[in-house]
Amino acid sequence: MDAIKVSNLVFGYNAMPVLKDLSFSIPEGDLCCITGENGSGKSTLMKLILGELKGYKGTISLFGKTMKEYNDLTWIGYVPQASVMNKVAFPTTCREIVVQGLYKQFGIVRIPRKKHYQVAEQALAKMDLERYARVPFNQLSGGLQQRVMICRALINDPKLLILDEPTAGVDKESKESFLGLLNKINQEQKITCLLVSHEYQLVSERLKLDSTYRIEDGRIANA
């Protein structure tokens, strides 16, 4: 089964076309990279798959069902760009960041309880990050912030993990460590992973990619 299947996708902003009759698929369990020049539409494509953008033409299907058939997409894990992570306000701790991945379980008042924090701390421990549980998130290095965001993305046992430019804005050692972690997650947990990145050379050298697609002129071509 295809984890993601995009067929004849058309989308634009204010009548300005960005994606033009775009089609591709990613089989379940694969590790895939979407690449292309800055401004090519990579992030727009990602937001469409996450359900953050509407009003497109064509079809986006996830695990055999169209987007319109889903009421809840919390089973998709998402790791944002480093620039988004840097906007986290002080003094939000790492466990508070991670526990927000469980917000659907908080109940009507949307406030995490002790049991939710325990799950968050267990998730941090699995990543060898338990000593950072009560450390303010914005005091961590970019590489450690990435690992915390991976914890948050994985806390709901997602079937699909989407990462937006995860190697941007961090040092070389952190990039290589993060990509090694992504390989491990894909291979051991069998989670379908979609990585959006403009650093294709680094990604292709460090990741065990099953497929790569490049966006050119609003369409997909094999990289």
C-alpha atoms as a PDB file:
ATOM      1  CA  MET A   1       0.000   0.000   0.000  1.00  0.00           C
ATOM      2  CA  ASP A   2       1.106   3.560  -0.658  1.00  0.00           C
ATOM      3  CA  ALA A   3       1.494   5.664   2.480  1.00  0.00           C
ATOM      4  CA  ILE A   4       1.195   8.793   0.328  1.00  0.00           C
ATOM      5  CA  LYS A   5      -0.257   9.075  -3.153  1.00  0.00           C
ATOM      6  CA  VAL A   6      -0.560  12.470  -4.815  1.00  0.00           C
ATOM      7  CA  SER A   7      -2.394  12.624  -8.151  1.00  0.00           C
ATOM      8  CA  ASN A   8      -2.683  15.625 -10.494  1.00  0.00           C
ATOM      9  CA  LEU A   9      -2.264  18.094  -7.624  1.00  0.00           C
ATOM     10  CA  VAL A  10      -2.759  21.772  -8.486  1.00  0.00           C
ATOM     11  CA  PHE A  11      -2.380  24.590  -5.956  1.00  0.00           C
ATOM     12  CA  GLY A  12      -1.544  28.272  -5.955  1.00  0.00           C
ATOM     13  CA  TYR A  13      -1.676  31.456  -3.906  1.00  0.00           C
ATOM     14  CA  ASN A  14      -3.894  34.301  -5.164  1.00  0.00           C
ATOM     15  CA  ALA A  15      -4.103  32.817  -8.663  1.00  0.00           C
ATOM     16  CA  MET A  16      -0.310  32.351  -8.741  1.00  0.00           C
ATOM     17  CA  PRO A  17       0.325  28.658  -9.528  1.00  0.00           C
ATOM     18  CA  VAL A  18       2.840  26.871  -7.299  1.00  0.00           C
ATOM     19  CA  LEU A  19       2.135  23.184  -7.898  1.00  0.00           C
ATOM     20  CA  LYS A  20       1.044  22.188 -11.399  1.00  0.00           C
ATOM     21  CA  ASP A  21      -0.394  18.741 -12.081  1.00  0.00           C
ATOM     22  CA  LEU A  22       1.995  17.137  -9.594  1.00  0.00           C
ATOM     23  CA  SER A  23       1.918  13.363  -9.068  1.00  0.00           C
ATOM     24  CA  PHE A  24       4.029  10.905  -7.043  1.00  0.00           C
ATOM     25  CA  SER A  25       3.683   8.113  -4.485  1.00  0.00           C
ATOM     26  CA  ILE A  26       5.574   6.784  -1.453  1.00  0.00           C
ATOM     27  CA  PRO A  27       5.065   3.129  -0.424  1.00  0.00           C
ATOM     28  CA  GLU A  28       4.353   2.362   3.228  1.00  0.00           C
ATOM     29  CA  GLY A  29       7.536   2.046   5.289  1.00  0.00           C
ATOM     30  CA  ASP A  30       9.739   3.956   2.845  1.00  0.00           C
ATOM     31  CA  LEU A  31      12.153   6.783   3.574  1.00  0.00           C
ATOM     32  CA  CYS A  32      11.715   9.490   0.941  1.00  0.00           C
ATOM     33  CA  CYS A  33      13.237  12.911   0.308  1.00  0.00           C
ATOM     34  CA  ILE A  34      11.504  15.756  -1.513  1.00  0.00           C
ATOM     35  CA  THR A  35      14.066  18.270  -2.771  1.00  0.00           C
ATOM     36  CA  GLY A  36      14.235  21.330  -5.011  1.00  0.00           C
ATOM     37  CA  GLU A  37      15.328  24.939  -5.064  1.00  0.00           C
ATOM     38  CA  ASN A  38      14.175  27.382  -2.390  1.00  0.00           C
ATOM     39  CA  GLY A  39      10.690  28.611  -3.283  1.00  0.00           C
ATOM     40  CA  SER A  40       9.990  25.609  -5.501  1.00  0.00           C
ATOM     41  CA  GLY A  41       6.917  24.563  -3.503  1.00  0.00           C
ATOM     42  CA  LYS A  42       8.391  21.937  -1.162  1.00  0.00           C
ATOM     43  CA  SER A  43       6.932  23.455   1.993  1.00  0.00           C
ATOM     44  CA  THR A  44       3.593  24.088   0.264  1.00  0.00           C
ATOM     45  CA  LEU A  45       3.406  20.405  -0.658  1.00  0.00           C
ATOM     46  CA  MET A  46       4.206  19.412   2.922  1.00  0.00           C
ATOM     47  CA  LYS A  47       1.463  21.700   4.321  1.00  0.00           C
ATOM     48  CA  LEU A  48      -1.057  20.205   1.900  1.00  0.00           C
ATOM     49  CA  ILE A  49      -0.182  16.681   3.064  1.00  0.00           C
ATOM     50  CA  LEU A  50      -0.471  17.804   6.703  1.00  0.00           C
ATOM     51  CA  GLY A  51      -3.909  19.255   5.983  1.00  0.00           C
ATOM     52  CA  GLU A  52      -2.825  22.807   6.825  1.00  0.00           C
ATOM     53  CA  LEU A  53      -3.730  24.150   3.374  1.00  0.00           C
ATOM     54  CA  LYS A  54      -7.024  23.629   1.567  1.00  0.00           C
ATOM     55  CA  GLY A  55      -8.478  24.551  -1.790  1.00  0.00           C
ATOM     56  CA  TYR A  56      -6.357  22.332  -4.013  1.00  0.00           C
ATOM     57  CA  LYS A  57      -7.347  20.399  -7.102  1.00  0.00           C
ATOM     58  CA  GLY A  58      -6.417  16.775  -7.584  1.00  0.00           C
ATOM     59  CA  THR A  59      -6.142  14.051  -4.945  1.00  0.00           C
ATOM     60  CA  ILE A  60      -4.011  13.457  -1.855  1.00  0.00           C
ATOM     61  CA  SER A  61      -4.429   9.975  -0.364  1.00  0.00           C
ATOM     62  CA  LEU A  62      -2.839   8.659   2.835  1.00  0.00           C
ATOM     63  CA  PHE A  63      -2.801   4.902   3.385  1.00  0.00           C
ATOM     64  CA  GLY A  64      -5.559   4.351   0.833  1.00  0.00           C
ATOM     65  CA  LYS A  65      -7.953   7.074   2.004  1.00  0.00           C
ATOM     66  CA  THR A  66      -8.324  10.580   0.650  1.00  0.00           C
ATOM     67  CA  MET A  67      -7.695  13.556   2.923  1.00  0.00           C
ATOM     68  CA  LYS A  68     -11.435  14.299   2.935  1.00  0.00           C
ATOM     69  CA  GLU A  69     -12.090  10.943   4.630  1.00  0.00           C
ATOM     70  CA  TYR A  70      -9.965  11.815   7.680  1.00  0.00           C
ATOM     71  CA  ASN A  71     -11.298  13.742  10.662  1.00  0.00           C
ATOM     72  CA  ASP A  72      -8.084  13.431  12.672  1.00  0.00           C
ATOM     73  CA  LEU A  73      -4.456  13.565  11.496  1.00  0.00           C
ATOM     74  CA  THR A  74      -2.766  13.330  14.899  1.00  0.00           C
ATOM     75  CA  TRP A  75      -1.251  10.027  13.774  1.00  0.00           C
ATOM     76  CA  ILE A  76       1.066  12.049  11.522  1.00  0.00           C
ATOM     77  CA  GLY A  77       4.265  13.081  13.310  1.00  0.00           C
ATOM     78  CA  TYR A  78       5.725  16.436  12.283  1.00  0.00           C
ATOM     79  CA  VAL A  79       9.163  17.997  12.894  1.00  0.00           C
ATOM     80  CA  PRO A  80       9.308  21.694  11.892  1.00  0.00           C
ATOM     81  CA  GLN A  81      12.224  23.787  10.701  1.00  0.00           C
ATOM     82  CA  ALA A  82      14.770  25.020  13.232  1.00  0.00           C
ATOM     83  CA  SER A  83      13.553  28.600  12.652  1.00  0.00           C
ATOM     84  CA  VAL A  84      10.125  27.569  13.972  1.00  0.00           C
ATOM     85  CA  MET A  85      11.657  25.843  17.001  1.00  0.00           C
ATOM     86  CA  ASN A  86      13.603  28.989  17.887  1.00  0.00           C
ATOM     87  CA  LYS A  87      10.320  30.874  18.387  1.00  0.00           C
ATOM     88  CA  VAL A  88       9.421  28.772  21.432  1.00  0.00           C
ATOM     89  CA  ALA A  89       8.988  31.178  24.332  1.00  0.00           C
ATOM     90  CA  PHE A  90      11.001  30.991  27.541  1.00  0.00           C
ATOM     91  CA  PRO A  91      10.700  29.211  29.950  1.00  0.00           C
ATOM     92  CA  THR A  92       8.928  26.285  28.222  1.00  0.00           C
ATOM     93  CA  THR A  93      10.705  23.086  29.277  1.00  0.00           C
ATOM     94  CA  CYS A  94      11.474  20.102  27.089  1.00  0.00           C
ATOM     95  CA  ARG A  95       8.891  17.906  28.801  1.00  0.00           C
ATOM     96  CA  GLU A  96       6.262  20.628  28.229  1.00  0.00           C
ATOM     97  CA  ILE A  97       7.187  20.656  24.532  1.00  0.00           C
ATOM     98  CA  VAL A  98       6.935  16.869  24.262  1.00  0.00           C
ATOM     99  CA  VAL A  99       3.709  16.505  26.259  1.00  0.00           C
ATOM    100  CA  GLN A 100       1.907  18.780  23.784  1.00  0.00           C
ATOM    101  CA  GLY A 101       2.046  15.883  21.347  1.00  0.00           C
ATOM    102  CA  LEU A 102      -0.632  14.269  23.530  1.00  0.00           C
ATOM    103  CA  TYR A 103      -2.994  17.264  23.515  1.00  0.00           C
ATOM    104  CA  LYS A 104      -5.883  15.218  22.069  1.00  0.00           C
ATOM    105  CA  GLN A 105      -5.832  13.174  25.293  1.00  0.00           C
ATOM    106  CA  PHE A 106      -5.998  16.154  27.664  1.00  0.00           C
ATOM    107  CA  GLY A 107      -9.789  16.293  27.816  1.00  0.00           C
ATOM    108  CA  ILE A 108     -12.113  19.286  27.653  1.00  0.00           C
ATOM    109  CA  VAL A 109      -9.866  21.673  29.606  1.00  0.00           C
ATOM    110  CA  ARG A 110      -6.844  20.822  27.412  1.00  0.00           C
ATOM    111  CA  ILE A 111      -4.468  20.708  30.382  1.00  0.00           C
ATOM    112  CA  PRO A 112      -1.944  17.847  30.688  1.00  0.00           C
ATOM    113  CA  ARG A 113      -2.109  15.704  33.825  1.00  0.00           C
ATOM    114  CA  LYS A 114       0.554  13.768  35.701  1.00  0.00           C
ATOM    115  CA  LYS A 115       0.099  10.656  33.562  1.00  0.00           C
ATOM    116  CA  HIS A 116       0.717  12.680  30.410  1.00  0.00           C
ATOM    117  CA  TYR A 117       3.941  14.134  31.793  1.00  0.00           C
ATOM    118  CA  GLN A 118       5.058  10.622  32.723  1.00  0.00           C
ATOM    119  CA  VAL A 119       4.604   9.502  29.111  1.00  0.00           C
ATOM    120  CA  ALA A 120       6.550  12.562  27.916  1.00  0.00           C
ATOM    121  CA  GLU A 121       9.400  11.818  30.305  1.00  0.00           C
ATOM    122  CA  GLN A 122       9.494   8.204  29.136  1.00  0.00           C
ATOM    123  CA  ALA A 123       9.705   9.409  25.527  1.00  0.00           C
ATOM    124  CA  LEU A 124      12.619  11.694  26.411  1.00  0.00           C
ATOM    125  CA  ALA A 125      14.360   8.824  28.209  1.00  0.00           C
ATOM    126  CA  LYS A 126      14.145   6.671  25.074  1.00  0.00           C
ATOM    127  CA  MET A 127      16.149   9.356  23.277  1.00  0.00           C
ATOM    128  CA  ASP A 128      18.617   9.614  26.191  1.00  0.00           C
ATOM    129  CA  LEU A 129      17.264  13.090  26.929  1.00  0.00           C
ATOM    130  CA  GLU A 130      15.807  12.549  30.396  1.00  0.00           C
ATOM    131  CA  ARG A 131      18.335  14.955  31.976  1.00  0.00           C
ATOM    132  CA  TYR A 132      16.889  17.756  29.833  1.00  0.00           C
ATOM    133  CA  ALA A 133      13.246  17.175  30.824  1.00  0.00           C
ATOM    134  CA  ARG A 134      13.007  20.324  32.975  1.00  0.00           C
ATOM    135  CA  VAL A 135      15.529  22.405  31.024  1.00  0.00           C
ATOM    136  CA  PRO A 136      14.098  25.346  29.016  1.00  0.00           C
ATOM    137  CA  PHE A 137      13.871  24.273  25.390  1.00  0.00           C
ATOM    138  CA  ASN A 138      15.459  27.425  24.021  1.00  0.00           C
ATOM    139  CA  GLN A 139      18.602  26.830  26.081  1.00  0.00           C
ATOM    140  CA  LEU A 140      19.421  23.691  24.112  1.00  0.00           C
ATOM    141  CA  SER A 141      21.650  23.456  21.050  1.00  0.00           C
ATOM    142  CA  GLY A 142      19.980  23.107  17.663  1.00  0.00           C
ATOM    143  CA  GLY A 143      20.845  19.420  17.548  1.00  0.00           C
ATOM    144  CA  LEU A 144      19.263  18.717  20.941  1.00  0.00           C
ATOM    145  CA  GLN A 145      16.177  20.738  20.002  1.00  0.00           C
ATOM    146  CA  GLN A 146      15.757  18.499  16.951  1.00  0.00           C
ATOM    147  CA  ARG A 147      15.869  15.379  19.120  1.00  0.00           C
ATOM    148  CA  VAL A 148      13.264  16.827  21.491  1.00  0.00           C
ATOM    149  CA  MET A 149      10.988  17.587  18.535  1.00  0.00           C
ATOM    150  CA  ILE A 150      11.448  14.013  17.307  1.00  0.00           C
ATOM    151  CA  CYS A 151      10.272  12.849  20.765  1.00  0.00           C
ATOM    152  CA  ARG A 152       7.189  15.012  20.435  1.00  0.00           C
ATOM    153  CA  ALA A 153       6.504  13.744  16.908  1.00  0.00           C
ATOM    154  CA  LEU A 154       6.842  10.072  17.921  1.00  0.00           C
ATOM    155  CA  ILE A 155       4.852  10.194  21.163  1.00  0.00           C
ATOM    156  CA  ASN A 156       1.598   9.202  19.388  1.00  0.00           C
ATOM    157  CA  ASP A 157       3.202   6.249  17.562  1.00  0.00           C
ATOM    158  CA  PRO A 158       2.661   7.846  14.136  1.00  0.00           C
ATOM    159  CA  LYS A 159       2.322   5.895  10.921  1.00  0.00           C
ATOM    160  CA  LEU A 160       3.856   8.787   8.984  1.00  0.00           C
ATOM    161  CA  LEU A 161       6.663  11.165   9.970  1.00  0.00           C
ATOM    162  CA  ILE A 162       7.135  14.426   8.043  1.00  0.00           C
ATOM    163  CA  LEU A 163      10.249  16.562   8.538  1.00  0.00           C
ATOM    164  CA  ASP A 164      10.642  20.077   7.152  1.00  0.00           C
ATOM    165  CA  GLU A 165      14.285  21.045   6.453  1.00  0.00           C
ATOM    166  CA  PRO A 166      15.552  19.320   9.632  1.00  0.00           C
ATOM    167  CA  THR A 167      19.239  19.850   8.752  1.00  0.00           C
ATOM    168  CA  ALA A 168      18.922  23.617   8.254  1.00  0.00           C
ATOM    169  CA  GLY A 169      20.475  25.892  10.868  1.00  0.00           C
ATOM    170  CA  VAL A 170      22.435  23.280  12.849  1.00  0.00           C
ATOM    171  CA  ASP A 171      26.123  22.308  12.838  1.00  0.00           C
ATOM    172  CA  LYS A 172      27.537  19.469  10.754  1.00  0.00           C
ATOM    173  CA  GLU A 173      27.923  17.054  13.665  1.00  0.00           C
ATOM    174  CA  SER A 174      24.299  17.583  14.721  1.00  0.00           C
ATOM    175  CA  LYS A 175      23.101  17.099  11.147  1.00  0.00           C
ATOM    176  CA  GLU A 176      24.887  13.770  10.814  1.00  0.00           C
ATOM    177  CA  SER A 177      23.681  12.590  14.225  1.00  0.00           C
ATOM    178  CA  PHE A 178      20.092  13.538  13.395  1.00  0.00           C
ATOM    179  CA  LEU A 179      20.136  11.785  10.028  1.00  0.00           C
ATOM    180  CA  GLY A 180      21.561   8.662  11.677  1.00  0.00           C
ATOM    181  CA  LEU A 181      18.666   8.782  14.154  1.00  0.00           C
ATOM    182  CA  LEU A 182      16.177   9.110  11.296  1.00  0.00           C
ATOM    183  CA  ASN A 183      17.630   6.023   9.611  1.00  0.00           C
ATOM    184  CA  LYS A 184      17.192   4.103  12.866  1.00  0.00           C
ATOM    185  CA  ILE A 185      13.588   5.238  13.347  1.00  0.00           C
ATOM    186  CA  ASN A 186      12.648   4.269   9.794  1.00  0.00           C
ATOM    187  CA  GLN A 187      14.322   0.873   9.897  1.00  0.00           C
ATOM    188  CA  GLU A 188      13.459  -0.229  13.433  1.00  0.00           C
ATOM    189  CA  GLN A 189       9.982   1.269  13.843  1.00  0.00           C
ATOM    190  CA  LYS A 190       8.930   0.887  10.186  1.00  0.00           C
ATOM    191  CA  ILE A 191       7.517   4.414  10.126  1.00  0.00           C
ATOM    192  CA  THR A 192       7.081   5.973   6.689  1.00  0.00           C
ATOM    193  CA  CYS A 193       9.294   9.077   6.622  1.00  0.00           C
ATOM    194  CA  LEU A 194       9.019  12.053   4.272  1.00  0.00           C
ATOM    195  CA  LEU A 195      11.920  14.469   4.486  1.00  0.00           C
ATOM    196  CA  VAL A 196      11.719  17.880   2.793  1.00  0.00           C
ATOM    197  CA  SER A 197      15.220  19.278   2.250  1.00  0.00           C
ATOM    198  CA  HIS A 198      17.284  21.471  -0.056  1.00  0.00           C
ATOM    199  CA  GLU A 199      20.514  19.814   1.224  1.00  0.00           C
ATOM    200  CA  TYR A 200      20.177  16.831  -1.074  1.00  0.00           C
ATOM    201  CA  GLN A 201      23.866  15.910  -1.251  1.00  0.00           C
ATOM    202  CA  LEU A 202      24.188  15.587   2.528  1.00  0.00           C
ATOM    203  CA  VAL A 203      20.850  13.792   2.878  1.00  0.00           C
ATOM    204  CA  SER A 204      21.567  11.325   0.095  1.00  0.00           C
ATOM    205  CA  GLU A 205      24.975  10.486   1.589  1.00  0.00           C
ATOM    206  CA  ARG A 206      23.728   9.914   5.136  1.00  0.00           C
ATOM    207  CA  LEU A 207      20.241   8.479   4.693  1.00  0.00           C
ATOM    208  CA  LYS A 208      19.232   5.097   3.322  1.00  0.00           C
ATOM    209  CA  LEU A 209      16.681   6.620   0.977  1.00  0.00           C
ATOM    210  CA  ASP A 210      14.158   4.480  -0.863  1.00  0.00           C
ATOM    211  CA  SER A 211      13.214   7.301  -3.219  1.00  0.00           C
ATOM    212  CA  THR A 212      13.882  10.954  -3.971  1.00  0.00           C
ATOM    213  CA  TYR A 213      11.719  13.410  -5.876  1.00  0.00           C
ATOM    214  CA  ARG A 214      12.657  16.860  -7.062  1.00  0.00           C
ATOM    215  CA  ILE A 215      10.140  19.640  -7.625  1.00  0.00           C
ATOM    216  CA  GLU A 216      10.845  21.504 -10.847  1.00  0.00           C
ATOM    217  CA  ASP A 217       8.453  24.051 -12.311  1.00  0.00           C
ATOM    218  CA  GLY A 218       5.676  22.859 -10.024  1.00  0.00           C
ATOM    219  CA  ARG A 219       5.988  19.232 -11.042  1.00  0.00           C
ATOM    220  CA  ILE A 220       7.803  16.174  -9.729  1.00  0.00           C
ATOM    221  CA  ALA A 221      10.785  14.676 -11.558  1.00  0.00           C
ATOM    222  CA  ASN A 222      13.125  11.984 -10.284  1.00  0.00           C
ATOM    223  CA  ALA A 223      16.188  13.578  -8.663  1.00  0.00           C
END
